[in-house]
């Protein structure tokens, strides 16, 4: 239980889904017949998505100082949960 609410049950996780056919009809033709990837091609794709799209500079320590303590509107700023606070 968190915040006075119980955890969702499996029944809560069942979602009604509408018909899939209209979605499939709008797919890009290149996706309708996907290409097959060899083992090495698949591993290369996984590596690219996992590592190649990440800018190594996009780490919390580079952005921590950019989070304002207050904003001009007077509204509460967003809360960022950094692992540890720097001095």
PDB file of N, CA and C in Angstrom:
ATOM      1  N   UNK A   1       0.845  -1.171   0.000  1.00  0.00           N
ATOM      2  CA  UNK A   1       0.000   0.000   0.000  1.00  0.00           C
ATOM      3  C   UNK A   1       0.888   1.231   0.000  1.00  0.00           C
ATOM      4  N   UNK A   2       0.564   2.200  -0.845  1.00  0.00           N
ATOM      5  CA  UNK A   2       1.349   3.426  -0.945  1.00  0.00           C
ATOM      6  C   UNK A   2       0.367   4.594  -1.007  1.00  0.00           C
ATOM      7  N   UNK A   3       0.612   5.604  -0.193  1.00  0.00           N
ATOM      8  CA  UNK A   3      -0.269   6.773  -0.162  1.00  0.00           C
ATOM      9  C   UNK A   3      -1.724   6.406   0.104  1.00  0.00           C
ATOM     10  N   UNK A   4      -1.945   5.373   0.900  1.00  0.00           N
ATOM     11  CA  UNK A   4      -3.298   4.977   1.246  1.00  0.00           C
ATOM     12  C   UNK A   4      -4.014   4.207   0.154  1.00  0.00           C
ATOM     13  N   UNK A   5      -3.330   3.921  -0.956  1.00  0.00           N
ATOM     14  CA  UNK A   5      -3.943   3.177  -2.058  1.00  0.00           C
ATOM     15  C   UNK A   5      -3.268   1.823  -2.178  1.00  0.00           C
ATOM     16  N   UNK A   6      -4.068   0.818  -2.455  1.00  0.00           N
ATOM     17  CA  UNK A   6      -3.479  -0.512  -2.618  1.00  0.00           C
ATOM     18  C   UNK A   6      -2.922  -0.645  -4.032  1.00  0.00           C
ATOM     19  N   UNK A   7      -2.021  -1.585  -4.190  1.00  0.00           N
ATOM     20  CA  UNK A   7      -1.402  -1.825  -5.489  1.00  0.00           C
ATOM     21  C   UNK A   7      -2.467  -2.321  -6.470  1.00  0.00           C
ATOM     22  N   UNK A   8      -2.298  -2.031  -7.762  1.00  0.00           N
ATOM     23  CA  UNK A   8      -3.287  -2.493  -8.738  1.00  0.00           C
ATOM     24  C   UNK A   8      -3.300  -4.013  -8.829  1.00  0.00           C
ATOM     25  N   UNK A   9      -4.467  -4.558  -9.056  1.00  0.00           N
ATOM     26  CA  UNK A   9      -4.578  -6.002  -9.238  1.00  0.00           C
ATOM     27  C   UNK A   9      -4.451  -6.305 -10.720  1.00  0.00           C
ATOM     28  N   UNK A  10      -4.359  -7.573 -11.079  1.00  0.00           N
ATOM     29  CA  UNK A  10      -4.267  -7.943 -12.487  1.00  0.00           C
ATOM     30  C   UNK A  10      -5.491  -7.473 -13.255  1.00  0.00           C
ATOM     31  N   UNK A  11      -6.640  -7.460 -12.602  1.00  0.00           N
ATOM     32  CA  UNK A  11      -7.863  -6.996 -13.261  1.00  0.00           C
ATOM     33  C   UNK A  11      -7.708  -5.526 -13.665  1.00  0.00           C
ATOM     34  N   UNK A  12      -7.021  -4.735 -12.840  1.00  0.00           N
ATOM     35  CA  UNK A  12      -6.818  -3.324 -13.154  1.00  0.00           C
ATOM     36  C   UNK A  12      -5.948  -3.131 -14.396  1.00  0.00           C
ATOM     37  N   UNK A  13      -5.149  -4.135 -14.705  1.00  0.00           N
ATOM     38  CA  UNK A  13      -4.208  -4.003 -15.812  1.00  0.00           C
ATOM     39  C   UNK A  13      -4.806  -4.442 -17.150  1.00  0.00           C
ATOM     40  N   UNK A  14      -6.023  -4.978 -17.133  1.00  0.00           N
ATOM     41  CA  UNK A  14      -6.681  -5.383 -18.365  1.00  0.00           C
ATOM     42  C   UNK A  14      -7.314  -4.146 -18.985  1.00  0.00           C
ATOM     43  N   UNK A  15      -6.953  -3.905 -20.229  1.00  0.00           N
ATOM     44  CA  UNK A  15      -7.422  -2.707 -20.905  1.00  0.00           C
ATOM     45  C   UNK A  15      -8.199  -3.122 -22.148  1.00  0.00           C
ATOM     46  N   UNK A  16      -9.346  -2.500 -22.353  1.00  0.00           N
ATOM     47  CA  UNK A  16     -10.087  -2.765 -23.580  1.00  0.00           C
ATOM     48  C   UNK A  16      -9.320  -2.164 -24.734  1.00  0.00           C
ATOM     49  N   UNK A  17      -9.136  -2.943 -25.745  1.00  0.00           N
ATOM     50  CA  UNK A  17      -8.454  -2.458 -26.939  1.00  0.00           C
ATOM     51  C   UNK A  17      -9.426  -2.513 -28.097  1.00  0.00           C
ATOM     52  N   UNK A  18      -9.432  -1.477 -28.870  1.00  0.00           N
ATOM     53  CA  UNK A  18     -10.305  -1.421 -30.033  1.00  0.00           C
ATOM     54  C   UNK A  18      -9.782  -2.306 -31.142  1.00  0.00           C
ATOM     55  N   UNK A  19     -10.442  -2.276 -32.276  1.00  0.00           N
ATOM     56  CA  UNK A  19     -10.023  -3.110 -33.414  1.00  0.00           C
ATOM     57  C   UNK A  19      -8.653  -2.684 -33.926  1.00  0.00           C
ATOM     58  N   UNK A  20      -7.831  -3.649 -34.254  1.00  0.00           N
ATOM     59  CA  UNK A  20      -6.469  -3.379 -34.699  1.00  0.00           C
ATOM     60  C   UNK A  20      -6.389  -3.119 -36.206  1.00  0.00           C
ATOM     61  N   UNK A  21      -7.372  -3.576 -36.966  1.00  0.00           N
ATOM     62  CA  UNK A  21      -7.328  -3.458 -38.426  1.00  0.00           C
ATOM     63  C   UNK A  21      -7.138  -2.019 -38.907  1.00  0.00           C
ATOM     64  N   UNK A  22      -7.877  -1.024 -38.372  1.00  0.00           N
ATOM     65  CA  UNK A  22      -7.647   0.352 -38.844  1.00  0.00           C
ATOM     66  C   UNK A  22      -6.216   0.837 -38.604  1.00  0.00           C
ATOM     67  N   UNK A  23      -5.614   0.368 -37.547  1.00  0.00           N
ATOM     68  CA  UNK A  23      -4.222   0.742 -37.261  1.00  0.00           C
ATOM     69  C   UNK A  23      -3.299   0.098 -38.285  1.00  0.00           C
ATOM     70  N   UNK A  24      -3.526  -1.173 -38.551  1.00  0.00           N
ATOM     71  CA  UNK A  24      -2.675  -1.892 -39.495  1.00  0.00           C
ATOM     72  C   UNK A  24      -2.793  -1.320 -40.905  1.00  0.00           C
ATOM     73  N   UNK A  25      -3.976  -0.822 -41.265  1.00  0.00           N
ATOM     74  CA  UNK A  25      -4.175  -0.249 -42.595  1.00  0.00           C
ATOM     75  C   UNK A  25      -3.364   1.025 -42.799  1.00  0.00           C
ATOM     76  N   UNK A  26      -3.025   1.716 -41.721  1.00  0.00           N
ATOM     77  CA  UNK A  26      -2.283   2.976 -41.826  1.00  0.00           C
ATOM     78  C   UNK A  26      -0.772   2.792 -41.683  1.00  0.00           C
ATOM     79  N   UNK A  27      -0.324   1.559 -41.521  1.00  0.00           N
ATOM     80  CA  UNK A  27       1.118   1.321 -41.381  1.00  0.00           C
ATOM     81  C   UNK A  27       1.863   1.683 -42.649  1.00  0.00           C
ATOM     82  N   UNK A  28       3.058   2.187 -42.464  1.00  0.00           N
ATOM     83  CA  UNK A  28       3.936   2.460 -43.586  1.00  0.00           C
ATOM     84  C   UNK A  28       4.180   1.144 -44.325  1.00  0.00           C
ATOM     85  N   UNK A  29       4.124   1.147 -45.656  1.00  0.00           N
ATOM     86  CA  UNK A  29       4.339  -0.091 -46.422  1.00  0.00           C
ATOM     87  C   UNK A  29       5.656  -0.791 -46.084  1.00  0.00           C
ATOM     88  N   UNK A  30       6.673  -0.035 -45.691  1.00  0.00           N
ATOM     89  CA  UNK A  30       7.951  -0.655 -45.337  1.00  0.00           C
ATOM     90  C   UNK A  30       7.838  -1.492 -44.063  1.00  0.00           C
ATOM     91  N   UNK A  31       6.850  -1.189 -43.213  1.00  0.00           N
ATOM     92  CA  UNK A  31       6.683  -1.932 -41.973  1.00  0.00           C
ATOM     93  C   UNK A  31       5.752  -3.127 -42.125  1.00  0.00           C
ATOM     94  N   UNK A  32       4.969  -3.139 -43.196  1.00  0.00           N
ATOM     95  CA  UNK A  32       4.013  -4.227 -43.392  1.00  0.00           C
ATOM     96  C   UNK A  32       4.745  -5.552 -43.582  1.00  0.00           C
ATOM     97  N   UNK A  33       5.825  -5.523 -44.340  1.00  0.00           N
ATOM     98  CA  UNK A  33       6.632  -6.728 -44.571  1.00  0.00           C
ATOM     99  C   UNK A  33       8.027  -6.467 -44.017  1.00  0.00           C
ATOM    100  N   UNK A  34       8.213  -6.682 -42.728  1.00  0.00           N
ATOM    101  CA  UNK A  34       9.515  -6.370 -42.130  1.00  0.00           C
ATOM    102  C   UNK A  34      10.633  -7.235 -42.712  1.00  0.00           C
ATOM    103  N   UNK A  35      11.816  -6.655 -42.726  1.00  0.00           N
ATOM    104  CA  UNK A  35      12.975  -7.398 -43.216  1.00  0.00           C
ATOM    105  C   UNK A  35      13.497  -8.304 -42.108  1.00  0.00           C
ATOM    106  N   UNK A  36      14.153  -9.353 -42.486  1.00  0.00           N
ATOM    107  CA  UNK A  36      14.781 -10.239 -41.509  1.00  0.00           C
ATOM    108  C   UNK A  36      16.196  -9.759 -41.233  1.00  0.00           C
ATOM    109  N   UNK A  37      16.609  -9.845 -39.993  1.00  0.00           N
ATOM    110  CA  UNK A  37      17.965  -9.444 -39.632  1.00  0.00           C
ATOM    111  C   UNK A  37      18.742 -10.678 -39.213  1.00  0.00           C
ATOM    112  N   UNK A  38      19.995 -10.730 -39.648  1.00  0.00           N
ATOM    113  CA  UNK A  38      20.873 -11.792 -39.186  1.00  0.00           C
ATOM    114  C   UNK A  38      21.259 -11.529 -37.729  1.00  0.00           C
ATOM    115  N   UNK A  39      21.891 -12.503 -37.090  1.00  0.00           N
ATOM    116  CA  UNK A  39      22.271 -12.341 -35.680  1.00  0.00           C
ATOM    117  C   UNK A  39      23.152 -11.122 -35.450  1.00  0.00           C
ATOM    118  N   UNK A  40      24.150 -10.929 -36.298  1.00  0.00           N
ATOM    119  CA  UNK A  40      25.060  -9.798 -36.127  1.00  0.00           C
ATOM    120  C   UNK A  40      24.344  -8.478 -36.399  1.00  0.00           C
ATOM    121  N   UNK A  41      23.483  -8.449 -37.401  1.00  0.00           N
ATOM    122  CA  UNK A  41      22.726  -7.229 -37.692  1.00  0.00           C
ATOM    123  C   UNK A  41      21.821  -6.874 -36.515  1.00  0.00           C
ATOM    124  N   UNK A  42      21.189  -7.888 -35.930  1.00  0.00           N
ATOM    125  CA  UNK A  42      20.303  -7.661 -34.792  1.00  0.00           C
ATOM    126  C   UNK A  42      21.097  -7.130 -33.601  1.00  0.00           C
ATOM    127  N   UNK A  43      22.262  -7.733 -33.325  1.00  0.00           N
ATOM    128  CA  UNK A  43      23.104  -7.260 -32.219  1.00  0.00           C
ATOM    129  C   UNK A  43      23.569  -5.822 -32.468  1.00  0.00           C
ATOM    130  N   UNK A  44      23.909  -5.510 -33.713  1.00  0.00           N
ATOM    131  CA  UNK A  44      24.336  -4.147 -34.041  1.00  0.00           C
ATOM    132  C   UNK A  44      23.192  -3.156 -33.836  1.00  0.00           C
ATOM    133  N   UNK A  45      21.987  -3.550 -34.215  1.00  0.00           N
ATOM    134  CA  UNK A  45      20.826  -2.681 -34.018  1.00  0.00           C
ATOM    135  C   UNK A  45      20.581  -2.442 -32.534  1.00  0.00           C
ATOM    136  N   UNK A  46      20.647  -3.492 -31.734  1.00  0.00           N
ATOM    137  CA  UNK A  46      20.456  -3.364 -30.286  1.00  0.00           C
ATOM    138  C   UNK A  46      21.520  -2.436 -29.698  1.00  0.00           C
ATOM    139  N   UNK A  47      22.765  -2.620 -30.099  1.00  0.00           N
ATOM    140  CA  UNK A  47      23.855  -1.777 -29.588  1.00  0.00           C
ATOM    141  C   UNK A  47      23.634  -0.312 -29.965  1.00  0.00           C
ATOM    142  N   UNK A  48      23.178  -0.072 -31.208  1.00  0.00           N
ATOM    143  CA  UNK A  48      22.934   1.304 -31.642  1.00  0.00           C
ATOM    144  C   UNK A  48      21.817   1.948 -30.824  1.00  0.00           C
ATOM    145  N   UNK A  49      20.718   1.242 -30.640  1.00  0.00           N
ATOM    146  CA  UNK A  49      19.597   1.812 -29.887  1.00  0.00           C
ATOM    147  C   UNK A  49      19.987   2.022 -28.433  1.00  0.00           C
ATOM    148  N   UNK A  50      20.724   1.075 -27.855  1.00  0.00           N
ATOM    149  CA  UNK A  50      21.096   1.168 -26.446  1.00  0.00           C
ATOM    150  C   UNK A  50      22.181   2.208 -26.196  1.00  0.00           C
ATOM    151  N   UNK A  51      23.197   2.252 -27.052  1.00  0.00           N
ATOM    152  CA  UNK A  51      24.364   3.096 -26.783  1.00  0.00           C
ATOM    153  C   UNK A  51      24.540   4.241 -27.770  1.00  0.00           C
ATOM    154  N   UNK A  52      24.229   4.021 -29.030  1.00  0.00           N
ATOM    155  CA  UNK A  52      24.500   5.003 -30.066  1.00  0.00           C
ATOM    156  C   UNK A  52      23.647   6.247 -29.993  1.00  0.00           C
ATOM    157  N   UNK A  53      22.464   6.133 -29.438  1.00  0.00           N
ATOM    158  CA  UNK A  53      21.574   7.282 -29.351  1.00  0.00           C
ATOM    159  C   UNK A  53      21.771   8.087 -28.078  1.00  0.00           C
ATOM    160  N   UNK A  54      22.653   7.636 -27.197  1.00  0.00           N
ATOM    161  CA  UNK A  54      22.878   8.323 -25.932  1.00  0.00           C
ATOM    162  C   UNK A  54      24.075   9.248 -26.038  1.00  0.00           C
ATOM    163  N   UNK A  55      23.836  10.512 -25.829  1.00  0.00           N
ATOM    164  CA  UNK A  55      24.922  11.476 -25.767  1.00  0.00           C
ATOM    165  C   UNK A  55      25.554  11.315 -24.389  1.00  0.00           C
ATOM    166  N   UNK A  56      26.807  10.966 -24.350  1.00  0.00           N
ATOM    167  CA  UNK A  56      27.488  10.710 -23.072  1.00  0.00           C
ATOM    168  C   UNK A  56      27.446  11.927 -22.148  1.00  0.00           C
ATOM    169  N   UNK A  57      27.261  13.121 -22.738  1.00  0.00           N
ATOM    170  CA  UNK A  57      27.179  14.329 -21.910  1.00  0.00           C
ATOM    171  C   UNK A  57      25.820  14.482 -21.232  1.00  0.00           C
ATOM    172  N   UNK A  58      24.833  13.702 -21.663  1.00  0.00           N
ATOM    173  CA  UNK A  58      23.477  13.818 -21.108  1.00  0.00           C
ATOM    174  C   UNK A  58      23.373  13.002 -19.824  1.00  0.00           C
ATOM    175  N   UNK A  59      24.102  13.428 -18.832  1.00  0.00           N
ATOM    176  CA  UNK A  59      24.126  12.762 -17.537  1.00  0.00           C
ATOM    177  C   UNK A  59      23.658  13.748 -16.472  1.00  0.00           C
ATOM    178  N   UNK A  60      23.086  13.256 -15.373  1.00  0.00           N
ATOM    179  CA  UNK A  60      22.555  14.151 -14.336  1.00  0.00           C
ATOM    180  C   UNK A  60      23.544  15.203 -13.857  1.00  0.00           C
ATOM    181  N   UNK A  61      24.813  14.858 -13.731  1.00  0.00           N
ATOM    182  CA  UNK A  61      25.772  15.821 -13.195  1.00  0.00           C
ATOM    183  C   UNK A  61      25.947  17.041 -14.101  1.00  0.00           C
ATOM    184  N   UNK A  62      25.625  16.898 -15.391  1.00  0.00           N
ATOM    185  CA  UNK A  62      25.749  18.034 -16.308  1.00  0.00           C
ATOM    186  C   UNK A  62      24.517  18.932 -16.284  1.00  0.00           C
ATOM    187  N   UNK A  63      23.411  18.430 -15.794  1.00  0.00           N
ATOM    188  CA  UNK A  63      22.163  19.191 -15.829  1.00  0.00           C
ATOM    189  C   UNK A  63      21.683  19.651 -14.460  1.00  0.00           C
ATOM    190  N   UNK A  64      22.260  19.119 -13.413  1.00  0.00           N
ATOM    191  CA  UNK A  64      21.828  19.433 -12.046  1.00  0.00           C
ATOM    192  C   UNK A  64      21.814  20.936 -11.794  1.00  0.00           C
ATOM    193  N   UNK A  65      22.834  21.638 -12.272  1.00  0.00           N
ATOM    194  CA  UNK A  65      22.933  23.078 -12.008  1.00  0.00           C
ATOM    195  C   UNK A  65      21.932  23.899 -12.818  1.00  0.00           C
ATOM    196  N   UNK A  66      21.273  23.294 -13.800  1.00  0.00           N
ATOM    197  CA  UNK A  66      20.312  24.004 -14.634  1.00  0.00           C
ATOM    198  C   UNK A  66      18.900  23.997 -14.049  1.00  0.00           C
ATOM    199  N   UNK A  67      18.676  23.206 -13.013  1.00  0.00           N
ATOM    200  CA  UNK A  67      17.343  23.114 -12.417  1.00  0.00           C
ATOM    201  C   UNK A  67      17.143  24.308 -11.483  1.00  0.00           C
ATOM    202  N   UNK A  68      16.169  25.168 -11.785  1.00  0.00           N
ATOM    203  CA  UNK A  68      15.970  26.357 -10.950  1.00  0.00           C
ATOM    204  C   UNK A  68      15.302  26.023  -9.624  1.00  0.00           C
ATOM    205  N   UNK A  69      15.606  26.809  -8.606  1.00  0.00           N
ATOM    206  CA  UNK A  69      14.939  26.643  -7.311  1.00  0.00           C
ATOM    207  C   UNK A  69      13.577  27.301  -7.333  1.00  0.00           C
ATOM    208  N   UNK A  70      13.405  28.326  -8.179  1.00  0.00           N
ATOM    209  CA  UNK A  70      12.100  28.964  -8.342  1.00  0.00           C
ATOM    210  C   UNK A  70      11.949  29.389  -9.794  1.00  0.00           C
ATOM    211  N   UNK A  71      10.693  29.572 -10.218  1.00  0.00           N
ATOM    212  CA  UNK A  71      10.419  29.982 -11.596  1.00  0.00           C
ATOM    213  C   UNK A  71       9.651  31.301 -11.583  1.00  0.00           C
ATOM    214  N   UNK A  72       9.741  32.079 -12.662  1.00  0.00           N
ATOM    215  CA  UNK A  72       9.116  33.405 -12.689  1.00  0.00           C
ATOM    216  C   UNK A  72       7.610  33.403 -12.413  1.00  0.00           C
ATOM    217  N   UNK A  73       6.922  32.327 -12.774  1.00  0.00           N
ATOM    218  CA  UNK A  73       5.466  32.297 -12.585  1.00  0.00           C
ATOM    219  C   UNK A  73       5.078  32.195 -11.120  1.00  0.00           C
ATOM    220  N   UNK A  74       6.023  31.793 -10.284  1.00  0.00           N
ATOM    221  CA  UNK A  74       5.706  31.587  -8.881  1.00  0.00           C
ATOM    222  C   UNK A  74       5.200  30.182  -8.593  1.00  0.00           C
ATOM    223  N   UNK A  75       4.923  29.415  -9.632  1.00  0.00           N
ATOM    224  CA  UNK A  75       4.512  28.025  -9.436  1.00  0.00           C
ATOM    225  C   UNK A  75       5.697  27.212  -8.923  1.00  0.00           C
ATOM    226  N   UNK A  76       5.388  26.104  -8.304  1.00  0.00           N
ATOM    227  CA  UNK A  76       6.460  25.231  -7.829  1.00  0.00           C
ATOM    228  C   UNK A  76       7.193  24.638  -9.032  1.00  0.00           C
ATOM    229  N   UNK A  77       8.523  24.648  -9.010  1.00  0.00           N
ATOM    230  CA  UNK A  77       9.264  24.042 -10.126  1.00  0.00           C
ATOM    231  C   UNK A  77       9.139  22.526 -10.092  1.00  0.00           C
ATOM    232  N   UNK A  78       9.459  21.903 -11.203  1.00  0.00           N
ATOM    233  CA  UNK A  78       9.449  20.447 -11.254  1.00  0.00           C
ATOM    234  C   UNK A  78      10.473  19.890 -10.269  1.00  0.00           C
ATOM    235  N   UNK A  79      10.206  18.708  -9.782  1.00  0.00           N
ATOM    236  CA  UNK A  79      11.118  18.069  -8.840  1.00  0.00           C
ATOM    237  C   UNK A  79      11.895  16.993  -9.588  1.00  0.00           C
ATOM    238  N   UNK A  80      13.198  17.073  -9.529  1.00  0.00           N
ATOM    239  CA  UNK A  80      14.066  16.093 -10.156  1.00  0.00           C
ATOM    240  C   UNK A  80      14.724  15.275  -9.058  1.00  0.00           C
ATOM    241  N   UNK A  81      14.716  13.984  -9.217  1.00  0.00           N
ATOM    242  CA  UNK A  81      15.282  13.096  -8.205  1.00  0.00           C
ATOM    243  C   UNK A  81      16.690  12.677  -8.615  1.00  0.00           C
ATOM    244  N   UNK A  82      17.648  13.521  -8.306  1.00  0.00           N
ATOM    245  CA  UNK A  82      19.037  13.179  -8.588  1.00  0.00           C
ATOM    246  C   UNK A  82      19.530  12.232  -7.507  1.00  0.00           C
ATOM    247  N   UNK A  83      20.492  11.378  -7.877  1.00  0.00           N
ATOM    248  CA  UNK A  83      20.976  10.380  -6.941  1.00  0.00           C
ATOM    249  C   UNK A  83      21.580  10.989  -5.690  1.00  0.00           C
ATOM    250  N   UNK A  84      22.424  11.973  -5.850  1.00  0.00           N
ATOM    251  CA  UNK A  84      23.008  12.639  -4.681  1.00  0.00           C
ATOM    252  C   UNK A  84      23.192  14.112  -4.979  1.00  0.00           C
ATOM    253  N   UNK A  85      23.062  14.898  -3.976  1.00  0.00           N
ATOM    254  CA  UNK A  85      23.153  16.353  -4.121  1.00  0.00           C
ATOM    255  C   UNK A  85      24.609  16.788  -4.126  1.00  0.00           C
ATOM    256  N   UNK A  86      24.976  17.603  -5.092  1.00  0.00           N
ATOM    257  CA  UNK A  86      26.335  18.120  -5.136  1.00  0.00           C
ATOM    258  C   UNK A  86      26.406  19.367  -4.249  1.00  0.00           C
ATOM    259  N   UNK A  87      27.591  19.654  -3.696  1.00  0.00           N
ATOM    260  CA  UNK A  87      27.735  20.850  -2.840  1.00  0.00           C
ATOM    261  C   UNK A  87      27.560  22.124  -3.613  1.00  0.00           C
TER     262      UNK A  87
END
